[in-house]
Amino acid sequence: MNVKQRTIKNEVSVQGVGLHTGANVTLTFCPAPENHGFKFQRTDLPGSPIIDADCDNVTDTARGTTITQNGASVSTVEHVMASLVGMDLDNVLMKLDGPETPIMDGSAILFLDALEAAGIQPQSVDREYFQIPHNITYTEPDRKVEIVAMPLDDYRFTCMIDYNSPVLGSQHAGISSIAEFKKEIASCRTFCFLHELEYQLKNNLIKGGDLNNAIVIVDKEVTKEELDHLAKIFNRNEINVAPQGILNNMELRHQNEPARHKLLDMIGDLALVGVHLKGHIMAARPGHAANVAFAKKIKAAIKKEKNKKVQHVYDPSVKPLYDTVQIMDILPHRQPFLFIDKILELSKTHVVGVKNVTMNEEFFKGHFPGAPVFPGVIQIEAMAQTGGILVLSTVPDPKNYLTLFLKIDNVRFRAQVTPGDTIVFRCDLMEPIRRGIAQMKGVGMVAGKVVVEAEMMAQIVKVKESETA
């Protein structure tokens, strides 16, 4: 059974301060259309630039995960991203009026509560999953980091942390399904060691830090004077060390809350892969840098799987997602140069279209008399029009845009196409669309047999821009 994409019903906002910047910010979650994915928008900057939540856009992992695109950055995105995955969402626009997401209580629970309050809206397009096909591993021997993704028809996590700390020791956390995220993981807060807190305070690195949004672990002897100094900094009457080896500013929500929070961070960082995953993720001593590197390995595996020659056999008689009239609402092409009759599938990264070849096509008069063959150049054009549906689905007003060829590579014609044939075209993005440039792998099939394939590069341009080019 196919799962439909989901967004939220209503806009909802949360307010707070950025952990590292100390800036007061408002984060607004907004409904988004099918195949939009997760994106941030910096409403405080000229032009309100948009940043795709994509691991290829990560520019810093020092004290959280920062993504950058179109000259704008958003820091500490991991807790927000984890809440979106935990709520089983696909398409959300997040408007932010500052450089960093609010830290809230140091966990994801307040984001998740806001999303629940906004309500969930099912959408009409099927969700795309990537099922881990084989073990994918990542290691950092010097830091003893080990991460592996294994095949599984669900999304399961197991995490181990070990800081060589007499207080923490080795901790383990896990969930058997992402459905357990809200109850088991969402409320688990970030943590740091007292010596890290002291360093960050001295270097002005946690301007928004507060004892209400972090667990502070004390794994060394600390004097009364040092505690009194911290109390003064954080405007507290008194601070002591609790029996569990943490500052007594808060009680642990789970005995292994630090390990659970590391699992939360990992779920958020792996959301930057861009598609829902199915697999069992096991991690030892993960961190943001390792998480992002692992996310990139998964993206590479996705690209490799899409480039395999094994083709799905489609039934062109099923009810289409878009018929010819609906296609003409998206593409500017008209008779006699519209070569796609219907669209069967459309996701964030792929599209499937159908062309019914009939003897009524005008070009059969000369190609060739007595031996009609569907021209290869027209097959490529039909493939490109199919890909145009995918590319134009990424803009809010496709009627005002065109897709123009920049390059066609690796074209192969593997069999003749003649009147009476039905060609099913599938186009997949080879990488995320950047600066309006889309690179696609296209395949055309007749009765499940590949007849044509090509790699195409196209540019999205506004109609007025194309008229003056």
Protein backbone atom coordinates (compact mmCIF):
# COMPACT_ATOMS: atom_id res chain seq x y z
CA MET A 1 0.00 0.00 0.00
CA ASN A 2 1.39 3.38 -1.04
CA VAL A 3 1.76 6.07 1.63
CA LYS A 4 0.70 9.60 0.69
CA GLN A 5 2.82 12.65 1.39
CA ARG A 6 1.83 14.85 4.35
CA THR A 7 2.09 18.50 5.30
CA ILE A 8 0.54 20.60 8.09
CA LYS A 9 -2.93 22.17 7.92
CA ASN A 10 -2.11 25.58 9.37
CA GLU A 11 0.81 27.87 10.03
CA VAL A 12 2.19 27.71 13.56
CA SER A 13 5.00 29.68 15.21
CA VAL A 14 7.40 29.18 18.10
CA GLN A 15 9.65 31.80 19.63
CA GLY A 16 12.90 31.62 21.54
CA VAL A 17 16.61 32.39 21.43
CA GLY A 18 19.38 30.82 19.41
CA LEU A 19 21.73 28.79 21.59
CA HIS A 20 24.93 30.16 20.10
CA THR A 21 23.84 33.55 18.72
CA GLY A 22 21.56 34.57 21.58
CA ALA A 23 19.28 36.17 18.98
CA ASN A 24 15.54 36.28 19.66
CA VAL A 25 13.89 34.53 16.75
CA THR A 26 10.48 33.39 15.53
CA LEU A 27 10.24 30.12 13.61
CA THR A 28 7.03 29.64 11.62
CA PHE A 29 6.10 26.24 10.20
CA CYS A 30 4.03 26.66 7.01
CA PRO A 31 2.10 24.16 4.85
CA ALA A 32 3.86 23.32 1.59
CA PRO A 33 2.76 21.63 -1.66
CA GLU A 34 3.55 18.10 -2.77
CA ASN A 35 7.21 17.35 -3.57
CA HIS A 36 8.32 20.58 -1.85
CA GLY A 37 10.30 18.83 0.86
CA PHE A 38 11.73 20.67 3.87
CA LYS A 39 13.07 24.17 3.28
CA PHE A 40 14.04 27.12 5.47
CA GLN A 41 13.42 30.74 4.48
CA ARG A 42 15.34 33.65 6.00
CA THR A 43 12.64 36.30 6.11
CA ASP A 44 15.00 38.82 7.74
CA LEU A 45 17.30 38.97 4.69
CA PRO A 46 16.76 40.82 1.39
CA GLY A 47 14.84 38.67 -1.04
CA SER A 48 13.94 36.18 1.71
CA PRO A 49 16.34 33.49 0.39
CA ILE A 50 15.40 29.82 0.69
CA ILE A 51 17.75 27.12 1.97
CA ASP A 52 16.99 23.49 1.08
CA ALA A 53 17.32 21.14 4.04
CA ASP A 54 19.93 19.03 2.25
CA CYS A 55 23.13 17.42 3.49
CA ASP A 56 24.95 18.83 0.45
CA ASN A 57 24.20 22.30 1.85
CA VAL A 58 25.87 21.66 5.24
CA THR A 59 28.68 24.13 5.85
CA ASP A 60 29.45 23.68 9.56
CA THR A 61 29.05 20.94 12.17
CA ALA A 62 31.16 22.39 14.98
CA ARG A 63 28.44 22.98 17.61
CA GLY A 64 25.34 21.94 15.65
CA THR A 65 24.42 21.55 12.01
CA THR A 66 24.46 24.64 9.77
CA ILE A 67 23.12 24.71 6.21
CA THR A 68 23.87 27.41 3.62
CA GLN A 69 22.41 28.22 0.21
CA ASN A 70 21.66 31.30 -1.87
CA GLY A 71 23.95 33.40 0.34
CA ALA A 72 22.03 32.60 3.53
CA SER A 73 22.58 30.22 6.44
CA VAL A 74 20.53 28.61 9.19
CA SER A 75 22.28 27.11 12.21
CA THR A 76 21.30 24.38 14.69
CA VAL A 77 18.71 22.78 12.40
CA GLU A 78 18.95 19.26 13.82
CA HIS A 79 16.22 19.46 16.49
CA VAL A 80 13.75 21.05 14.07
CA MET A 81 14.50 18.44 11.42
CA ALA A 82 14.07 15.61 13.94
CA SER A 83 10.62 16.94 14.89
CA LEU A 84 9.54 16.92 11.22
CA VAL A 85 10.62 13.28 10.83
CA GLY A 86 9.06 12.40 14.17
CA MET A 87 5.75 13.84 12.95
CA ASP A 88 6.02 11.79 9.74
CA LEU A 89 5.85 14.85 7.48
CA ASP A 90 7.10 15.41 3.93
CA ASN A 91 6.55 19.03 2.93
CA VAL A 92 7.03 22.04 5.23
CA LEU A 93 8.39 25.55 4.70
CA MET A 94 10.04 27.01 7.80
CA LYS A 95 10.23 30.80 7.91
CA LEU A 96 12.89 32.13 10.24
CA ASP A 97 13.66 35.77 11.08
CA GLY A 98 17.19 35.13 12.30
CA PRO A 99 20.34 33.09 11.67
CA GLU A 100 19.63 30.22 14.08
CA THR A 101 16.63 28.15 15.12
CA PRO A 102 15.43 28.70 18.72
CA ILE A 103 16.90 26.24 21.20
CA MET A 104 13.64 26.09 23.22
CA ASP A 105 14.21 23.58 26.08
CA GLY A 106 17.12 21.87 24.30
CA SER A 107 15.00 19.06 22.87
CA ALA A 108 12.55 18.63 19.97
CA ILE A 109 9.36 18.28 22.02
CA LEU A 110 8.19 21.90 21.77
CA PHE A 111 8.60 21.87 17.98
CA LEU A 112 6.70 18.60 17.83
CA ASP A 113 3.92 19.98 20.04
CA ALA A 114 3.57 22.99 17.73
CA LEU A 115 3.35 20.78 14.64
CA GLU A 116 0.70 18.63 16.31
CA ALA A 117 -1.29 21.77 17.12
CA ALA A 118 -1.09 22.84 13.46
CA GLY A 119 -2.77 19.60 12.36
CA ILE A 120 -1.76 17.13 9.66
CA GLN A 121 -2.93 17.40 6.04
CA PRO A 122 -2.67 14.31 3.80
CA GLN A 123 -1.68 15.06 0.20
CA SER A 124 -2.43 13.37 -3.13
CA VAL A 125 1.07 12.32 -4.24
CA ASP A 126 2.75 9.10 -3.08
CA ARG A 127 5.66 9.39 -0.68
CA GLU A 128 9.10 8.33 -1.85
CA TYR A 129 11.12 5.94 0.32
CA PHE A 130 14.67 4.74 0.00
CA GLN A 131 15.00 1.25 1.39
CA ILE A 132 18.58 0.52 2.40
CA PRO A 133 19.59 -2.17 -0.15
CA HIS A 134 22.71 -3.44 1.63
CA ASN A 135 24.93 -2.53 4.56
CA ILE A 136 26.22 1.05 4.26
CA THR A 137 29.05 1.83 6.68
CA TYR A 138 30.96 4.86 7.91
CA THR A 139 33.92 4.89 10.31
CA GLU A 140 36.31 7.36 11.91
CA PRO A 141 38.93 5.10 13.52
CA ASP A 142 40.70 7.89 15.38
CA ARG A 143 37.48 8.89 17.16
CA LYS A 144 36.13 5.31 17.30
CA VAL A 145 33.02 6.38 15.36
CA GLU A 146 31.14 3.57 13.67
CA ILE A 147 27.80 3.90 11.84
CA VAL A 148 26.03 1.29 9.75
CA ALA A 149 22.68 1.24 7.93
CA MET A 150 21.20 -2.22 7.36
CA PRO A 151 18.20 -3.35 5.27
CA LEU A 152 14.88 -3.29 7.15
CA ASP A 153 11.29 -2.56 6.17
CA ASP A 154 10.96 0.14 8.85
CA TYR A 155 13.05 2.96 10.32
CA ARG A 156 14.88 1.71 13.44
CA PHE A 157 17.71 3.32 15.43
CA THR A 158 20.26 2.09 17.93
CA CYS A 159 22.82 4.48 19.41
CA MET A 160 25.75 4.10 21.81
CA ILE A 161 27.78 6.90 23.36
CA ASP A 162 30.98 6.66 25.36
CA TYR A 163 32.79 9.80 26.52
CA ASN A 164 35.17 8.01 28.87
CA SER A 165 33.34 9.82 31.65
CA PRO A 166 32.89 8.37 35.15
CA VAL A 167 29.46 10.03 35.28
CA LEU A 168 28.06 9.02 31.89
CA GLY A 169 29.88 5.75 31.35
CA SER A 170 28.66 3.96 28.23
CA GLN A 171 25.01 4.61 27.40
CA HIS A 172 22.73 2.98 24.87
CA ALA A 173 19.41 4.12 23.40
CA GLY A 174 17.16 2.81 20.68
CA ILE A 175 13.74 2.83 19.06
CA SER A 176 12.25 -0.02 17.05
CA SER A 177 10.20 2.35 14.87
CA ILE A 178 10.08 6.09 14.17
CA ALA A 179 6.54 5.95 15.61
CA GLU A 180 8.21 5.77 19.06
CA PHE A 181 10.00 9.10 18.55
CA LYS A 182 7.50 11.30 20.40
CA LYS A 183 7.30 9.15 23.51
CA GLU A 184 10.90 7.96 23.79
CA ILE A 185 13.15 10.57 22.15
CA ALA A 186 11.53 13.96 21.45
CA SER A 187 11.81 15.37 24.99
CA CYS A 188 15.47 14.44 25.50
CA ARG A 189 17.63 17.54 25.91
CA THR A 190 21.06 18.50 24.73
CA PHE A 191 23.93 18.09 27.18
CA CYS A 192 27.44 19.30 27.74
CA PHE A 193 30.24 18.81 30.26
CA LEU A 194 31.01 21.50 32.82
CA HIS A 195 34.47 22.11 31.36
CA GLU A 196 32.88 22.65 27.90
CA LEU A 197 30.39 25.09 29.41
CA GLU A 198 33.18 27.07 31.04
CA TYR A 199 35.14 27.24 27.77
CA GLN A 200 32.12 28.31 25.76
CA LEU A 201 31.20 30.98 28.28
CA LYS A 202 34.73 32.40 28.27
CA ASN A 203 34.74 32.50 24.46
CA ASN A 204 31.21 33.92 24.13
CA LEU A 205 30.06 30.86 22.16
CA ILE A 206 26.68 30.24 23.84
CA LYS A 207 25.09 33.66 24.04
CA GLY A 208 21.67 32.02 24.30
CA GLY A 209 22.77 29.35 26.75
CA ASP A 210 20.69 28.87 29.86
CA LEU A 211 20.50 26.21 32.52
CA ASN A 212 16.92 25.55 31.37
CA ASN A 213 17.97 24.21 27.97
CA ALA A 214 20.92 21.92 28.64
CA ILE A 215 21.98 19.13 30.97
CA VAL A 216 25.36 20.03 32.47
CA ILE A 217 27.42 16.97 33.42
CA VAL A 218 30.00 17.37 36.19
CA ASP A 219 32.68 14.68 35.94
CA LYS A 220 35.41 16.42 37.94
CA GLU A 221 35.83 18.00 41.35
CA VAL A 222 34.31 21.47 41.43
CA THR A 223 34.65 24.07 44.19
CA LYS A 224 31.90 26.03 45.88
CA GLU A 225 33.43 29.19 44.41
CA GLU A 226 33.11 27.84 40.88
CA LEU A 227 29.48 26.90 41.47
CA ASP A 228 28.72 30.31 42.94
CA HIS A 229 30.32 31.92 39.88
CA LEU A 230 28.07 29.90 37.58
CA ALA A 231 25.03 30.79 39.66
CA LYS A 232 25.86 34.46 39.24
CA ILE A 233 26.30 34.12 35.46
CA PHE A 234 22.96 32.36 35.07
CA ASN A 235 21.15 34.56 37.59
CA ARG A 236 20.51 31.73 40.08
CA ASN A 237 20.51 31.92 43.85
CA GLU A 238 22.44 28.70 44.16
CA ILE A 239 23.77 25.84 42.04
CA ASN A 240 24.90 22.47 43.32
CA VAL A 241 25.88 19.10 41.90
CA ALA A 242 23.11 16.51 42.07
CA PRO A 243 23.87 12.90 43.05
CA GLN A 244 23.63 11.81 39.40
CA GLY A 245 26.65 13.98 38.61
CA ILE A 246 24.76 16.80 36.91
CA LEU A 247 24.07 20.36 37.98
CA ASN A 248 20.89 20.45 40.03
CA ASN A 249 19.16 22.83 37.62
CA MET A 250 16.97 20.01 36.34
CA GLU A 251 16.05 16.36 36.72
CA LEU A 252 16.79 13.82 34.04
CA ARG A 253 13.74 12.80 32.00
CA HIS A 254 15.36 9.41 31.30
CA GLN A 255 18.30 7.74 32.98
CA ASN A 256 20.03 7.58 29.57
CA GLU A 257 18.81 10.97 28.34
CA PRO A 258 22.21 11.95 26.82
CA ALA A 259 22.25 8.83 24.62
CA ARG A 260 18.65 9.45 23.61
CA HIS A 261 19.50 13.03 22.67
CA LYS A 262 22.38 11.84 20.49
CA LEU A 263 19.87 9.60 18.75
CA LEU A 264 17.58 12.63 18.32
CA ASP A 265 20.44 14.59 16.74
CA MET A 266 21.14 11.75 14.35
CA ILE A 267 17.52 11.48 13.23
CA GLY A 268 17.57 15.21 12.51
CA ASP A 269 20.86 15.12 10.62
CA LEU A 270 19.84 12.10 8.53
CA ALA A 271 16.64 13.93 7.56
CA LEU A 272 18.98 16.00 5.36
CA VAL A 273 19.18 13.00 3.00
CA GLY A 274 15.91 14.38 1.59
CA VAL A 275 13.76 11.24 1.44
CA HIS A 276 12.17 8.95 4.00
CA LEU A 277 14.42 6.01 4.82
CA LYS A 278 13.73 2.38 5.60
CA GLY A 279 16.52 0.62 7.41
CA HIS A 280 18.14 -0.05 10.77
CA ILE A 281 20.70 2.59 11.72
CA MET A 282 23.26 1.56 14.34
CA ALA A 283 25.75 4.15 15.59
CA ALA A 284 28.61 4.18 18.07
CA ARG A 285 29.86 7.59 19.25
CA PRO A 286 28.07 9.64 16.55
CA GLY A 287 28.35 13.41 16.18
CA HIS A 288 27.12 16.00 13.71
CA ALA A 289 30.14 15.74 11.39
CA ALA A 290 29.87 11.94 11.22
CA ASN A 291 26.08 12.08 10.83
CA VAL A 292 26.33 14.44 7.86
CA ALA A 293 29.13 12.41 6.25
CA PHE A 294 26.97 9.31 6.65
CA ALA A 295 23.94 11.12 5.17
CA LYS A 296 26.07 11.93 2.10
CA LYS A 297 27.00 8.24 1.76
CA ILE A 298 23.32 7.33 1.78
CA LYS A 299 22.62 9.98 -0.87
CA ALA A 300 25.38 8.51 -3.01
CA ALA A 301 23.79 5.06 -2.61
CA ILE A 302 20.43 6.49 -3.69
CA LYS A 303 21.99 7.97 -6.82
CA LYS A 304 23.73 4.68 -7.61
CA GLU A 305 20.49 2.71 -7.24
CA LYS A 306 18.67 5.11 -9.56
CA ASN A 307 21.34 4.67 -12.22
CA LYS A 308 20.95 0.91 -12.32
CA LYS A 309 19.55 -0.58 -15.51
CA VAL A 310 16.78 -2.55 -13.79
CA GLN A 311 13.54 -0.91 -14.87
CA HIS A 312 10.09 -1.07 -13.31
CA VAL A 313 7.32 -2.18 -15.67
CA TYR A 314 4.50 0.38 -15.64
CA ASP A 315 0.89 -0.16 -16.64
CA PRO A 316 0.01 2.74 -18.98
CA SER A 317 -3.71 1.95 -18.64
CA VAL A 318 -3.95 2.99 -14.97
CA LYS A 319 -5.69 6.24 -14.07
CA PRO A 320 -3.20 9.04 -14.68
CA LEU A 321 -2.03 11.59 -12.16
CA TYR A 322 -2.31 14.23 -14.90
CA ASP A 323 -4.18 13.90 -18.20
CA THR A 324 -3.39 15.87 -21.37
CA VAL A 325 -5.42 18.90 -20.34
CA GLN A 326 -3.71 19.04 -16.95
CA ILE A 327 -0.31 18.65 -18.62
CA MET A 328 -1.07 21.73 -20.73
CA ASP A 329 -1.64 23.64 -17.49
CA ILE A 330 2.04 23.00 -16.69
CA LEU A 331 3.88 22.76 -20.00
CA PRO A 332 3.72 25.52 -22.64
CA HIS A 333 3.82 22.99 -25.52
CA ARG A 334 0.79 22.61 -27.81
CA GLN A 335 -0.25 20.57 -30.85
CA PRO A 336 1.65 19.59 -32.95
CA PHE A 337 4.57 19.72 -30.49
CA LEU A 338 3.08 18.23 -27.32
CA PHE A 339 4.43 14.69 -27.11
CA ILE A 340 3.20 13.54 -23.69
CA ASP A 341 -0.34 12.21 -23.20
CA LYS A 342 -0.41 11.58 -19.44
CA ILE A 343 1.65 11.51 -16.24
CA LEU A 344 1.48 8.35 -14.11
CA GLU A 345 3.80 9.26 -11.21
CA LEU A 346 5.45 12.38 -9.80
CA SER A 347 7.68 12.75 -6.74
CA LYS A 348 10.37 15.17 -5.57
CA THR A 349 12.96 13.33 -7.64
CA HIS A 350 11.22 11.38 -10.43
CA VAL A 351 8.39 11.47 -12.96
CA VAL A 352 6.74 8.87 -15.20
CA GLY A 353 4.96 9.91 -18.41
CA VAL A 354 3.27 8.15 -21.34
CA LYS A 355 3.35 8.80 -25.09
CA ASN A 356 0.93 6.87 -27.32
CA VAL A 357 2.41 6.58 -30.81
CA THR A 358 -0.19 6.61 -33.60
CA MET A 359 -0.02 6.69 -37.40
CA ASN A 360 -1.77 10.08 -37.33
CA GLU A 361 1.51 11.80 -36.35
CA GLU A 362 2.37 14.30 -39.10
CA PHE A 363 6.05 13.33 -39.30
CA PHE A 364 5.22 9.76 -40.40
CA LYS A 365 4.53 11.16 -43.90
CA GLY A 366 8.28 11.47 -44.39
CA HIS A 367 9.81 9.24 -41.67
CA PHE A 368 9.62 6.95 -43.55
CA PRO A 369 7.14 6.37 -46.39
CA GLY A 370 6.13 2.73 -46.25
CA ALA A 371 8.21 2.07 -43.12
CA PRO A 372 7.05 4.42 -40.32
CA VAL A 373 9.60 4.82 -37.50
CA PHE A 374 9.12 7.19 -34.56
CA PRO A 375 12.04 9.67 -34.88
CA GLY A 376 14.73 9.45 -32.22
CA VAL A 377 14.88 13.24 -31.84
CA ILE A 378 11.15 13.27 -31.06
CA GLN A 379 11.67 10.51 -28.48
CA ILE A 380 14.24 12.72 -26.76
CA GLU A 381 11.85 15.67 -26.95
CA ALA A 382 9.06 13.59 -25.38
CA MET A 383 11.48 12.48 -22.66
CA ALA A 384 12.45 16.10 -22.06
CA GLN A 385 8.81 17.17 -21.81
CA THR A 386 8.28 14.43 -19.21
CA GLY A 387 11.27 15.77 -17.29
CA GLY A 388 9.85 19.28 -17.67
CA ILE A 389 6.84 18.25 -15.58
CA LEU A 390 9.23 17.20 -12.79
CA VAL A 391 11.32 20.36 -12.98
CA LEU A 392 8.36 22.77 -13.21
CA SER A 393 6.70 21.08 -10.21
CA THR A 394 9.41 22.73 -8.08
CA VAL A 395 8.17 26.28 -8.79
CA PRO A 396 4.88 27.71 -7.46
CA ASP A 397 3.69 29.15 -10.81
CA PRO A 398 4.87 26.82 -13.62
CA LYS A 399 2.94 28.73 -16.30
CA ASN A 400 5.46 31.56 -15.91
CA TYR A 401 8.49 29.30 -16.47
CA LEU A 402 10.12 27.29 -19.25
CA THR A 403 12.72 24.53 -19.18
CA LEU A 404 15.43 25.01 -21.80
CA PHE A 405 17.97 22.37 -22.89
CA LEU A 406 21.59 23.05 -22.03
CA LYS A 407 23.06 19.64 -22.80
CA ILE A 408 22.15 16.06 -23.80
CA ASP A 409 24.65 13.27 -23.10
CA ASN A 410 24.95 9.49 -23.39
CA VAL A 411 22.00 9.07 -25.76
CA ARG A 412 21.27 5.46 -26.72
CA PHE A 413 18.54 4.19 -29.06
CA ARG A 414 18.12 0.49 -28.37
CA ALA A 415 15.07 -0.47 -30.45
CA GLN A 416 12.75 0.99 -33.07
CA VAL A 417 9.45 2.55 -32.02
CA THR A 418 6.57 2.27 -34.49
CA PRO A 419 2.87 3.25 -34.66
CA GLY A 420 0.82 1.35 -32.08
CA ASP A 421 3.61 1.40 -29.48
CA THR A 422 3.18 3.06 -26.10
CA ILE A 423 6.36 4.59 -24.69
CA VAL A 424 6.63 4.98 -20.93
CA PHE A 425 9.24 7.58 -19.97
CA ARG A 426 10.84 7.79 -16.55
CA CYS A 427 13.09 10.72 -15.59
CA ASP A 428 15.05 10.88 -12.34
CA LEU A 429 17.00 13.82 -10.94
CA MET A 430 20.68 12.91 -10.85
CA GLU A 431 21.31 15.53 -8.13
CA PRO A 432 19.33 18.34 -6.44
CA ILE A 433 18.29 21.26 -8.63
CA ARG A 434 20.77 24.10 -8.05
CA ARG A 435 20.54 27.67 -9.32
CA GLY A 436 17.76 26.63 -11.65
CA ILE A 437 19.84 23.85 -13.28
CA ALA A 438 18.36 20.35 -13.40
CA GLN A 439 20.27 17.20 -14.39
CA MET A 440 18.15 14.17 -15.18
CA LYS A 441 18.55 10.57 -16.28
CA GLY A 442 15.77 9.58 -18.68
CA VAL A 443 14.67 6.16 -19.91
CA GLY A 444 11.94 5.26 -22.42
CA MET A 445 10.36 1.79 -22.38
CA VAL A 446 7.96 -0.10 -24.63
CA ALA A 447 6.36 -3.16 -23.01
CA GLY A 448 9.03 -3.03 -20.29
CA LYS A 449 11.91 -3.03 -22.77
CA VAL A 450 14.27 -0.04 -22.85
CA VAL A 451 14.15 1.66 -26.27
CA VAL A 452 15.89 4.96 -25.51
CA GLU A 453 17.92 6.52 -22.71
CA ALA A 454 19.75 9.80 -22.21
CA GLU A 455 21.13 12.23 -19.64
CA MET A 456 19.77 15.75 -19.92
CA MET A 457 20.63 19.11 -18.42
CA ALA A 458 18.01 21.86 -18.47
CA GLN A 459 17.62 25.34 -17.03
CA ILE A 460 14.47 26.75 -15.44
CA VAL A 461 13.86 30.29 -16.68
CA LYS A 462 11.00 32.74 -16.38
CA VAL A 463 9.07 33.28 -19.57
CA LYS A 464 10.11 36.95 -19.82
CA GLU A 465 13.77 36.00 -19.33
CA SER A 466 13.58 33.43 -22.12
CA GLU A 467 11.92 35.93 -24.48
CA THR A 468 14.83 38.36 -24.06
CA ALA A 469 17.59 35.75 -24.12
